[in-house]
All heavy atoms as atom14 arrays in JSON, in Angstrom:
{
  "sequence": "GRFTISRDNAKKTVYLQMNSLKAEDTAVYYCNRYPDLWGWGQGTQV",
  "atom14_mask": [
    [1, 1, 1, 1, 0, 0, 0, 0, 0, 0, 0, 0, 0, 0],
    [1, 1, 1, 1, 1, 1, 1, 1, 1, 1, 1, 0, 0, 0],
    [1, 1, 1, 1, 1, 1, 1, 1, 1, 1, 1, 0, 0, 0],
    [1, 1, 1, 1, 1, 1, 1, 0, 0, 0, 0, 0, 0, 0],
    [1, 1, 1, 1, 1, 1, 1, 1, 0, 0, 0, 0, 0, 0],
    [1, 1, 1, 1, 1, 1, 0, 0, 0, 0, 0, 0, 0, 0],
    [1, 1, 1, 1, 1, 1, 1, 1, 1, 1, 1, 0, 0, 0],
    [1, 1, 1, 1, 1, 1, 1, 1, 0, 0, 0, 0, 0, 0],
    [1, 1, 1, 1, 1, 1, 1, 1, 0, 0, 0, 0, 0, 0],
    [1, 1, 1, 1, 1, 0, 0, 0, 0, 0, 0, 0, 0, 0],
    [1, 1, 1, 1, 1, 1, 1, 1, 1, 0, 0, 0, 0, 0],
    [1, 1, 1, 1, 1, 1, 1, 1, 1, 0, 0, 0, 0, 0],
    [1, 1, 1, 1, 1, 1, 1, 0, 0, 0, 0, 0, 0, 0],
    [1, 1, 1, 1, 1, 1, 1, 0, 0, 0, 0, 0, 0, 0],
    [1, 1, 1, 1, 1, 1, 1, 1, 1, 1, 1, 1, 0, 0],
    [1, 1, 1, 1, 1, 1, 1, 1, 0, 0, 0, 0, 0, 0],
    [1, 1, 1, 1, 1, 1, 1, 1, 1, 0, 0, 0, 0, 0],
    [1, 1, 1, 1, 1, 1, 1, 1, 0, 0, 0, 0, 0, 0],
    [1, 1, 1, 1, 1, 1, 1, 1, 0, 0, 0, 0, 0, 0],
    [1, 1, 1, 1, 1, 1, 0, 0, 0, 0, 0, 0, 0, 0],
    [1, 1, 1, 1, 1, 1, 1, 1, 0, 0, 0, 0, 0, 0],
    [1, 1, 1, 1, 1, 1, 1, 1, 1, 0, 0, 0, 0, 0],
    [1, 1, 1, 1, 1, 0, 0, 0, 0, 0, 0, 0, 0, 0],
    [1, 1, 1, 1, 1, 1, 1, 1, 1, 0, 0, 0, 0, 0],
    [1, 1, 1, 1, 1, 1, 1, 1, 0, 0, 0, 0, 0, 0],
    [1, 1, 1, 1, 1, 1, 1, 0, 0, 0, 0, 0, 0, 0],
    [1, 1, 1, 1, 1, 0, 0, 0, 0, 0, 0, 0, 0, 0],
    [1, 1, 1, 1, 1, 1, 1, 0, 0, 0, 0, 0, 0, 0],
    [1, 1, 1, 1, 1, 1, 1, 1, 1, 1, 1, 1, 0, 0],
    [1, 1, 1, 1, 1, 1, 1, 1, 1, 1, 1, 1, 0, 0],
    [1, 1, 1, 1, 1, 1, 0, 0, 0, 0, 0, 0, 0, 0],
    [1, 1, 1, 1, 1, 1, 1, 1, 0, 0, 0, 0, 0, 0],
    [1, 1, 1, 1, 1, 1, 1, 1, 1, 1, 1, 0, 0, 0],
    [1, 1, 1, 1, 1, 1, 1, 1, 1, 1, 1, 1, 0, 0],
    [1, 1, 1, 1, 1, 1, 1, 0, 0, 0, 0, 0, 0, 0],
    [1, 1, 1, 1, 1, 1, 1, 1, 0, 0, 0, 0, 0, 0],
    [1, 1, 1, 1, 1, 1, 1, 1, 0, 0, 0, 0, 0, 0],
    [1, 1, 1, 1, 1, 1, 1, 1, 1, 1, 1, 1, 1, 1],
    [1, 1, 1, 1, 0, 0, 0, 0, 0, 0, 0, 0, 0, 0],
    [1, 1, 1, 1, 1, 1, 1, 1, 1, 1, 1, 1, 1, 1],
    [1, 1, 1, 1, 0, 0, 0, 0, 0, 0, 0, 0, 0, 0],
    [1, 1, 1, 1, 1, 1, 1, 1, 1, 0, 0, 0, 0, 0],
    [1, 1, 1, 1, 0, 0, 0, 0, 0, 0, 0, 0, 0, 0],
    [1, 1, 1, 1, 1, 1, 1, 0, 0, 0, 0, 0, 0, 0],
    [1, 1, 1, 1, 1, 1, 1, 1, 1, 0, 0, 0, 0, 0],
    [1, 1, 1, 1, 1, 1, 1, 0, 0, 0, 0, 0, 0, 0]
  ],
  "atom14_positions": [
    [[159.26, 141.22, 147.57], [159.83, 142.5, 147.68], [158.98, 143.48, 148.37], [159.43, 144.66, 148.69], [0.0, 0.0, 0.0], [0.0, 0.0, 0.0], [0.0, 0.0, 0.0], [0.0, 0.0, 0.0], [0.0, 0.0, 0.0], [0.0, 0.0, 0.0], [0.0, 0.0, 0.0], [0.0, 0.0, 0.0], [0.0, 0.0, 0.0], [0.0, 0.0, 0.0]],
    [[157.65, 143.12, 148.65], [156.74, 144.08, 149.27], [156.38, 143.52, 150.66], [156.12, 144.32, 151.54], [155.49, 144.23, 148.53], [155.8, 144.83, 147.11], [154.47, 145.15, 146.4], [153.6, 144.07, 146.14], [152.41, 143.79, 146.62], [151.8, 144.74, 147.39], [151.69, 142.77, 146.3], [0.0, 0.0, 0.0], [0.0, 0.0, 0.0], [0.0, 0.0, 0.0]],
    [[156.27, 142.21, 150.79], [155.9, 141.56, 152.12], [157.04, 140.9, 152.76], [157.91, 140.37, 152.1], [154.76, 140.46, 151.85], [153.45, 141.06, 151.38], [153.22, 142.38, 151.05], [152.35, 140.18, 151.42], [151.99, 142.83, 150.64], [151.11, 140.59, 151.05], [150.93, 141.99, 150.63], [0.0, 0.0, 0.0], [0.0, 0.0, 0.0], [0.0, 0.0, 0.0]],
    [[157.0, 140.87, 154.15], [158.06, 140.24, 154.92], [157.34, 139.38, 155.99], [156.61, 139.83, 156.75], [159.06, 141.21, 155.55], [159.64, 142.03, 154.51], [160.14, 140.47, 156.22], [0.0, 0.0, 0.0], [0.0, 0.0, 0.0], [0.0, 0.0, 0.0], [0.0, 0.0, 0.0], [0.0, 0.0, 0.0], [0.0, 0.0, 0.0], [0.0, 0.0, 0.0]],
    [[157.72, 138.09, 156.03], [157.2, 137.24, 157.02], [158.31, 137.01, 158.09], [159.51, 136.86, 157.72], [156.74, 135.92, 156.45], [156.06, 134.92, 157.5], [157.88, 135.06, 155.79], [155.43, 133.71, 156.95], [0.0, 0.0, 0.0], [0.0, 0.0, 0.0], [0.0, 0.0, 0.0], [0.0, 0.0, 0.0], [0.0, 0.0, 0.0], [0.0, 0.0, 0.0]],
    [[157.98, 136.97, 159.38], [158.91, 136.7, 160.39], [158.17, 135.95, 161.5], [156.98, 135.88, 161.54], [159.49, 138.01, 160.84], [158.55, 138.81, 161.42], [0.0, 0.0, 0.0], [0.0, 0.0, 0.0], [0.0, 0.0, 0.0], [0.0, 0.0, 0.0], [0.0, 0.0, 0.0], [0.0, 0.0, 0.0], [0.0, 0.0, 0.0], [0.0, 0.0, 0.0]],
    [[158.93, 135.51, 162.47], [158.38, 134.77, 163.64], [159.21, 135.07, 164.88], [160.41, 135.35, 164.91], [158.36, 133.25, 163.26], [159.63, 132.61, 163.21], [159.52, 131.17, 162.73], [158.75, 130.31, 163.59], [158.14, 129.15, 163.14], [158.38, 128.73, 161.93], [157.37, 128.48, 164.01], [0.0, 0.0, 0.0], [0.0, 0.0, 0.0], [0.0, 0.0, 0.0]],
    [[158.47, 134.92, 166.05], [159.06, 135.04, 167.32], [158.53, 133.73, 168.1], [157.46, 133.74, 168.57], [158.59, 136.31, 168.05], [159.21, 136.54, 169.4], [159.6, 135.47, 170.0], [159.35, 137.65, 169.86], [0.0, 0.0, 0.0], [0.0, 0.0, 0.0], [0.0, 0.0, 0.0], [0.0, 0.0, 0.0], [0.0, 0.0, 0.0], [0.0, 0.0, 0.0]],
    [[159.4, 132.77, 168.13], [158.94, 131.43, 168.76], [158.73, 131.58, 170.24], [157.88, 130.89, 170.78], [160.08, 130.4, 168.44], [160.14, 130.02, 166.99], [159.1, 130.16, 166.27], [161.22, 129.61, 166.52], [0.0, 0.0, 0.0], [0.0, 0.0, 0.0], [0.0, 0.0, 0.0], [0.0, 0.0, 0.0], [0.0, 0.0, 0.0], [0.0, 0.0, 0.0]],
    [[159.38, 132.47, 170.92], [159.17, 132.63, 172.33], [157.8, 133.17, 172.58], [157.08, 132.77, 173.54], [160.15, 133.59, 172.93], [0.0, 0.0, 0.0], [0.0, 0.0, 0.0], [0.0, 0.0, 0.0], [0.0, 0.0, 0.0], [0.0, 0.0, 0.0], [0.0, 0.0, 0.0], [0.0, 0.0, 0.0], [0.0, 0.0, 0.0], [0.0, 0.0, 0.0]],
    [[157.28, 133.96, 171.6], [155.84, 134.53, 171.76], [154.85, 133.62, 171.02], [153.69, 134.01, 171.02], [155.84, 136.0, 171.28], [156.72, 136.94, 172.14], [156.54, 138.37, 171.51], [157.46, 139.35, 172.39], [157.31, 140.67, 171.88], [0.0, 0.0, 0.0], [0.0, 0.0, 0.0], [0.0, 0.0, 0.0], [0.0, 0.0, 0.0], [0.0, 0.0, 0.0]],
    [[155.34, 132.59, 170.41], [154.5, 131.81, 169.56], [153.65, 132.63, 168.51], [152.44, 132.51, 168.38], [153.52, 130.93, 170.38], [154.19, 129.95, 171.31], [153.14, 129.1, 172.01], [153.79, 128.06, 172.87], [152.79, 127.14, 173.64], [0.0, 0.0, 0.0], [0.0, 0.0, 0.0], [0.0, 0.0, 0.0], [0.0, 0.0, 0.0], [0.0, 0.0, 0.0]],
    [[154.34, 133.54, 167.84], [153.72, 134.46, 166.96], [154.45, 134.52, 165.71], [155.68, 134.57, 165.61], [153.65, 135.94, 167.63], [152.87, 135.77, 168.9], [152.98, 136.88, 166.71], [0.0, 0.0, 0.0], [0.0, 0.0, 0.0], [0.0, 0.0, 0.0], [0.0, 0.0, 0.0], [0.0, 0.0, 0.0], [0.0, 0.0, 0.0], [0.0, 0.0, 0.0]],
    [[153.62, 134.74, 164.57], [154.11, 134.91, 163.21], [153.6, 136.23, 162.78], [152.47, 136.51, 163.09], [153.68, 133.74, 162.23], [154.15, 134.08, 160.93], [154.13, 132.42, 162.69], [0.0, 0.0, 0.0], [0.0, 0.0, 0.0], [0.0, 0.0, 0.0], [0.0, 0.0, 0.0], [0.0, 0.0, 0.0], [0.0, 0.0, 0.0], [0.0, 0.0, 0.0]],
    [[154.46, 137.03, 162.02], [154.14, 138.3, 161.54], [154.18, 138.32, 160.07], [154.88, 137.59, 159.38], [155.06, 139.34, 162.07], [155.21, 139.29, 163.59], [156.26, 138.57, 164.25], [154.28, 140.02, 164.43], [156.33, 138.63, 165.62], [154.3, 139.97, 165.83], [155.43, 139.28, 166.39], [155.5, 139.25, 167.8], [0.0, 0.0, 0.0], [0.0, 0.0, 0.0]],
    [[153.37, 139.24, 159.56], [153.47, 139.62, 158.07], [153.47, 141.1, 157.9], [152.5, 141.81, 158.18], [152.34, 138.94, 157.33], [152.48, 139.17, 155.8], [153.6, 138.24, 155.25], [151.1, 138.76, 155.04], [0.0, 0.0, 0.0], [0.0, 0.0, 0.0], [0.0, 0.0, 0.0], [0.0, 0.0, 0.0], [0.0, 0.0, 0.0], [0.0, 0.0, 0.0]],
    [[154.57, 141.74, 157.53], [154.7, 143.03, 157.21], [154.33, 143.33, 155.79], [155.1, 142.72, 154.97], [156.06, 143.65, 157.64], [156.19, 145.17, 157.37], [155.32, 146.05, 158.2], [154.97, 145.79, 159.3], [154.72, 147.01, 157.49], [0.0, 0.0, 0.0], [0.0, 0.0, 0.0], [0.0, 0.0, 0.0], [0.0, 0.0, 0.0], [0.0, 0.0, 0.0]],
    [[153.39, 144.17, 155.41], [153.0, 144.36, 154.11], [153.18, 145.85, 153.67], [152.62, 146.77, 154.42], [151.48, 144.04, 153.92], [151.13, 142.5, 154.35], [149.45, 142.09, 154.06], [148.68, 143.26, 155.24], [0.0, 0.0, 0.0], [0.0, 0.0, 0.0], [0.0, 0.0, 0.0], [0.0, 0.0, 0.0], [0.0, 0.0, 0.0], [0.0, 0.0, 0.0]],
    [[154.08, 146.07, 152.8], [154.35, 147.4, 152.28], [153.85, 147.59, 150.83], [153.63, 146.63, 150.12], [155.8, 147.73, 152.41], [156.35, 147.6, 153.78], [155.6, 147.93, 154.77], [157.53, 147.18, 154.05], [0.0, 0.0, 0.0], [0.0, 0.0, 0.0], [0.0, 0.0, 0.0], [0.0, 0.0, 0.0], [0.0, 0.0, 0.0], [0.0, 0.0, 0.0]],
    [[153.76, 148.85, 150.34], [153.41, 149.14, 149.07], [152.19, 148.4, 148.55], [152.12, 147.71, 147.51], [154.69, 148.78, 148.07], [155.8, 149.54, 148.46], [0.0, 0.0, 0.0], [0.0, 0.0, 0.0], [0.0, 0.0, 0.0], [0.0, 0.0, 0.0], [0.0, 0.0, 0.0], [0.0, 0.0, 0.0], [0.0, 0.0, 0.0], [0.0, 0.0, 0.0]],
    [[151.22, 148.37, 149.41], [149.9, 147.67, 149.17], [149.28, 148.1, 147.95], [149.22, 149.28, 147.59], [149.09, 147.67, 150.39], [149.51, 146.76, 151.5], [148.89, 147.29, 152.91], [149.22, 145.33, 151.25], [0.0, 0.0, 0.0], [0.0, 0.0, 0.0], [0.0, 0.0, 0.0], [0.0, 0.0, 0.0], [0.0, 0.0, 0.0], [0.0, 0.0, 0.0]],
    [[148.6, 147.12, 147.36], [147.88, 147.3, 146.07], [146.38, 146.88, 146.2], [146.24, 145.97, 147.13], [148.48, 146.5, 144.93], [149.94, 146.74, 144.67], [150.52, 145.78, 143.61], [152.03, 146.09, 143.4], [152.57, 145.2, 142.31], [0.0, 0.0, 0.0], [0.0, 0.0, 0.0], [0.0, 0.0, 0.0], [0.0, 0.0, 0.0], [0.0, 0.0, 0.0]],
    [[145.57, 147.4, 145.44], [144.13, 147.04, 145.51], [144.0, 145.45, 145.41], [143.13, 144.91, 146.1], [143.29, 147.66, 144.36], [0.0, 0.0, 0.0], [0.0, 0.0, 0.0], [0.0, 0.0, 0.0], [0.0, 0.0, 0.0], [0.0, 0.0, 0.0], [0.0, 0.0, 0.0], [0.0, 0.0, 0.0], [0.0, 0.0, 0.0], [0.0, 0.0, 0.0]],
    [[144.88, 144.85, 144.62], [144.77, 143.35, 144.41], [145.2, 142.6, 145.66], [145.11, 141.38, 145.65], [145.42, 142.89, 143.2], [146.88, 143.37, 143.12], [146.96, 144.6, 142.27], [146.1, 145.57, 142.39], [147.86, 144.74, 141.42], [0.0, 0.0, 0.0], [0.0, 0.0, 0.0], [0.0, 0.0, 0.0], [0.0, 0.0, 0.0], [0.0, 0.0, 0.0]],
    [[145.71, 143.22, 146.67], [146.1, 142.57, 147.91], [144.86, 142.51, 148.81], [144.92, 141.89, 149.94], [147.14, 143.43, 148.72], [148.48, 143.38, 147.92], [148.89, 142.3, 147.34], [149.13, 144.45, 147.86], [0.0, 0.0, 0.0], [0.0, 0.0, 0.0], [0.0, 0.0, 0.0], [0.0, 0.0, 0.0], [0.0, 0.0, 0.0], [0.0, 0.0, 0.0]],
    [[143.77, 143.11, 148.51], [142.52, 143.02, 149.28], [142.08, 141.58, 149.33], [141.85, 140.91, 148.33], [141.46, 143.85, 148.61], [141.83, 145.24, 148.63], [140.13, 143.64, 149.42], [0.0, 0.0, 0.0], [0.0, 0.0, 0.0], [0.0, 0.0, 0.0], [0.0, 0.0, 0.0], [0.0, 0.0, 0.0], [0.0, 0.0, 0.0], [0.0, 0.0, 0.0]],
    [[141.96, 141.09, 150.62], [141.54, 139.68, 150.89], [141.45, 139.5, 152.36], [141.83, 140.37, 153.14], [142.6, 138.75, 150.34], [0.0, 0.0, 0.0], [0.0, 0.0, 0.0], [0.0, 0.0, 0.0], [0.0, 0.0, 0.0], [0.0, 0.0, 0.0], [0.0, 0.0, 0.0], [0.0, 0.0, 0.0], [0.0, 0.0, 0.0], [0.0, 0.0, 0.0]],
    [[140.9, 138.35, 152.74], [140.92, 137.95, 154.12], [142.38, 137.09, 154.26], [142.66, 136.22, 153.51], [139.88, 137.05, 154.58], [139.94, 136.54, 156.02], [138.41, 137.81, 154.38], [0.0, 0.0, 0.0], [0.0, 0.0, 0.0], [0.0, 0.0, 0.0], [0.0, 0.0, 0.0], [0.0, 0.0, 0.0], [0.0, 0.0, 0.0], [0.0, 0.0, 0.0]],
    [[143.09, 137.49, 155.29], [144.4, 136.87, 155.44], [144.33, 135.92, 156.64], [143.75, 136.28, 157.73], [145.45, 137.9, 155.69], [145.95, 138.71, 154.41], [145.02, 139.54, 153.79], [147.12, 138.46, 153.9], [145.35, 140.12, 152.63], [147.53, 139.08, 152.64], [146.72, 139.97, 152.15], [147.02, 140.55, 150.9], [0.0, 0.0, 0.0], [0.0, 0.0, 0.0]],
    [[144.91, 134.72, 156.4], [144.96, 133.7, 157.41], [146.36, 133.25, 157.71], [147.22, 133.28, 156.75], [144.1, 132.45, 156.97], [142.69, 132.7, 156.64], [142.31, 133.16, 155.31], [141.66, 132.45, 157.5], [141.02, 133.32, 154.94], [140.36, 132.64, 157.21], [140.06, 133.09, 155.9], [138.72, 133.33, 155.55], [0.0, 0.0, 0.0], [0.0, 0.0, 0.0]],
    [[146.72, 132.79, 158.81], [147.91, 132.05, 159.01], [147.64, 130.59, 159.49], [146.54, 130.28, 159.87], [148.86, 132.7, 160.03], [148.45, 132.41, 161.66], [0.0, 0.0, 0.0], [0.0, 0.0, 0.0], [0.0, 0.0, 0.0], [0.0, 0.0, 0.0], [0.0, 0.0, 0.0], [0.0, 0.0, 0.0], [0.0, 0.0, 0.0], [0.0, 0.0, 0.0]],
    [[148.48, 129.7, 159.21], [148.26, 128.28, 159.48], [149.65, 127.65, 159.34], [150.59, 128.16, 158.89], [147.29, 127.73, 158.36], [146.66, 126.48, 158.93], [147.18, 125.67, 159.72], [145.41, 126.34, 158.6], [0.0, 0.0, 0.0], [0.0, 0.0, 0.0], [0.0, 0.0, 0.0], [0.0, 0.0, 0.0], [0.0, 0.0, 0.0], [0.0, 0.0, 0.0]],
    [[149.71, 126.42, 159.8], [150.9, 125.64, 159.54], [151.09, 125.38, 158.06], [150.19, 125.46, 157.36], [150.68, 124.28, 160.36], [151.9, 123.35, 160.19], [151.51, 122.0, 160.88], [152.6, 121.05, 160.75], [152.55, 119.82, 161.11], [151.42, 119.34, 161.66], [153.59, 118.99, 160.88], [0.0, 0.0, 0.0], [0.0, 0.0, 0.0], [0.0, 0.0, 0.0]],
    [[152.41, 125.24, 157.68], [152.67, 124.97, 156.24], [153.65, 123.8, 156.21], [154.62, 123.74, 156.93], [153.36, 126.26, 155.71], [153.83, 125.99, 154.3], [153.05, 126.01, 153.14], [155.25, 125.66, 154.11], [153.46, 125.78, 151.91], [155.66, 125.49, 152.79], [154.78, 125.52, 151.73], [155.26, 125.18, 150.45], [0.0, 0.0, 0.0], [0.0, 0.0, 0.0]],
    [[153.53, 122.93, 155.24], [152.32, 122.72, 154.32], [151.21, 121.98, 154.92], [150.04, 122.19, 154.33], [152.96, 122.02, 153.11], [153.97, 121.07, 153.75], [154.51, 121.88, 154.95], [0.0, 0.0, 0.0], [0.0, 0.0, 0.0], [0.0, 0.0, 0.0], [0.0, 0.0, 0.0], [0.0, 0.0, 0.0], [0.0, 0.0, 0.0], [0.0, 0.0, 0.0]],
    [[151.42, 121.18, 155.9], [150.27, 120.52, 156.54], [149.46, 121.48, 157.37], [150.05, 122.28, 158.18], [150.78, 119.34, 157.44], [151.56, 118.33, 156.64], [151.1, 117.96, 155.62], [152.61, 117.9, 157.04], [0.0, 0.0, 0.0], [0.0, 0.0, 0.0], [0.0, 0.0, 0.0], [0.0, 0.0, 0.0], [0.0, 0.0, 0.0], [0.0, 0.0, 0.0]],
    [[148.08, 121.44, 157.22], [147.29, 122.51, 157.84], [146.64, 121.99, 159.19], [146.33, 120.82, 159.4], [146.2, 122.82, 156.84], [146.62, 123.32, 155.6], [145.32, 123.54, 154.58], [147.28, 124.78, 155.74], [0.0, 0.0, 0.0], [0.0, 0.0, 0.0], [0.0, 0.0, 0.0], [0.0, 0.0, 0.0], [0.0, 0.0, 0.0], [0.0, 0.0, 0.0]],
    [[146.46, 123.04, 160.06], [145.67, 122.8, 161.23], [144.37, 123.34, 160.85], [144.04, 123.66, 159.7], [146.2, 123.7, 162.42], [147.49, 123.29, 162.96], [148.01, 122.03, 163.04], [148.56, 124.06, 163.45], [149.25, 121.96, 163.63], [149.58, 123.24, 163.87], [148.7, 125.46, 163.52], [150.83, 123.81, 164.4], [149.89, 126.02, 164.16], [150.91, 125.14, 164.49]],
    [[143.38, 123.47, 161.89], [142.17, 124.13, 161.54], [142.35, 125.62, 161.26], [143.31, 126.15, 161.81], [0.0, 0.0, 0.0], [0.0, 0.0, 0.0], [0.0, 0.0, 0.0], [0.0, 0.0, 0.0], [0.0, 0.0, 0.0], [0.0, 0.0, 0.0], [0.0, 0.0, 0.0], [0.0, 0.0, 0.0], [0.0, 0.0, 0.0], [0.0, 0.0, 0.0]],
    [[141.49, 126.21, 160.51], [141.65, 127.61, 160.14], [141.1, 128.53, 161.2], [140.08, 128.29, 161.88], [140.86, 127.91, 158.82], [141.49, 127.24, 157.62], [141.05, 126.11, 156.98], [142.7, 127.69, 156.89], [141.86, 125.8, 155.98], [142.88, 126.75, 155.79], [143.46, 128.81, 156.96], [144.02, 126.89, 154.91], [144.59, 128.84, 156.08], [144.78, 127.97, 155.17]],
    [[141.73, 129.61, 161.4], [141.3, 130.68, 162.31], [140.28, 131.59, 161.51], [139.82, 131.18, 160.46], [0.0, 0.0, 0.0], [0.0, 0.0, 0.0], [0.0, 0.0, 0.0], [0.0, 0.0, 0.0], [0.0, 0.0, 0.0], [0.0, 0.0, 0.0], [0.0, 0.0, 0.0], [0.0, 0.0, 0.0], [0.0, 0.0, 0.0], [0.0, 0.0, 0.0]],
    [[139.87, 132.61, 162.19], [138.79, 133.45, 161.61], [139.35, 134.45, 160.55], [138.61, 135.01, 159.67], [138.11, 134.28, 162.7], [138.84, 135.51, 163.01], [140.06, 135.42, 163.9], [140.36, 134.3, 164.34], [140.78, 136.49, 164.24], [0.0, 0.0, 0.0], [0.0, 0.0, 0.0], [0.0, 0.0, 0.0], [0.0, 0.0, 0.0], [0.0, 0.0, 0.0]],
    [[140.66, 134.57, 160.48], [141.27, 135.46, 159.47], [141.14, 136.87, 159.94], [140.41, 137.3, 160.87], [0.0, 0.0, 0.0], [0.0, 0.0, 0.0], [0.0, 0.0, 0.0], [0.0, 0.0, 0.0], [0.0, 0.0, 0.0], [0.0, 0.0, 0.0], [0.0, 0.0, 0.0], [0.0, 0.0, 0.0], [0.0, 0.0, 0.0], [0.0, 0.0, 0.0]],
    [[141.88, 137.79, 159.14], [141.66, 139.2, 159.38], [141.63, 139.93, 158.03], [142.33, 139.57, 157.09], [142.97, 139.7, 160.17], [142.75, 141.12, 160.49], [144.23, 139.57, 159.48], [0.0, 0.0, 0.0], [0.0, 0.0, 0.0], [0.0, 0.0, 0.0], [0.0, 0.0, 0.0], [0.0, 0.0, 0.0], [0.0, 0.0, 0.0], [0.0, 0.0, 0.0]],
    [[140.61, 140.78, 157.86], [140.32, 141.4, 156.56], [141.32, 142.5, 156.36], [141.51, 143.44, 157.12], [138.98, 142.0, 156.65], [138.51, 142.84, 155.36], [138.32, 141.84, 154.16], [137.69, 140.87, 154.2], [138.95, 142.26, 153.13], [0.0, 0.0, 0.0], [0.0, 0.0, 0.0], [0.0, 0.0, 0.0], [0.0, 0.0, 0.0], [0.0, 0.0, 0.0]],
    [[141.91, 142.57, 155.12], [142.76, 143.64, 154.64], [142.06, 144.18, 153.42], [141.81, 143.46, 152.45], [144.15, 143.15, 154.29], [144.91, 144.19, 153.55], [144.91, 142.6, 155.46], [0.0, 0.0, 0.0], [0.0, 0.0, 0.0], [0.0, 0.0, 0.0], [0.0, 0.0, 0.0], [0.0, 0.0, 0.0], [0.0, 0.0, 0.0], [0.0, 0.0, 0.0]]
  ]
}
């Protein structure tokens, strides 16, 4: 109800829109294949 994931395959990009953020959402966020994983990227701090 707060986050929305979407993708644009033509741009090879996945998005995460995060609304109504809470202190407990603080973390490093990563994207990866699901459920089988590729190597991890560097992530982005929220």
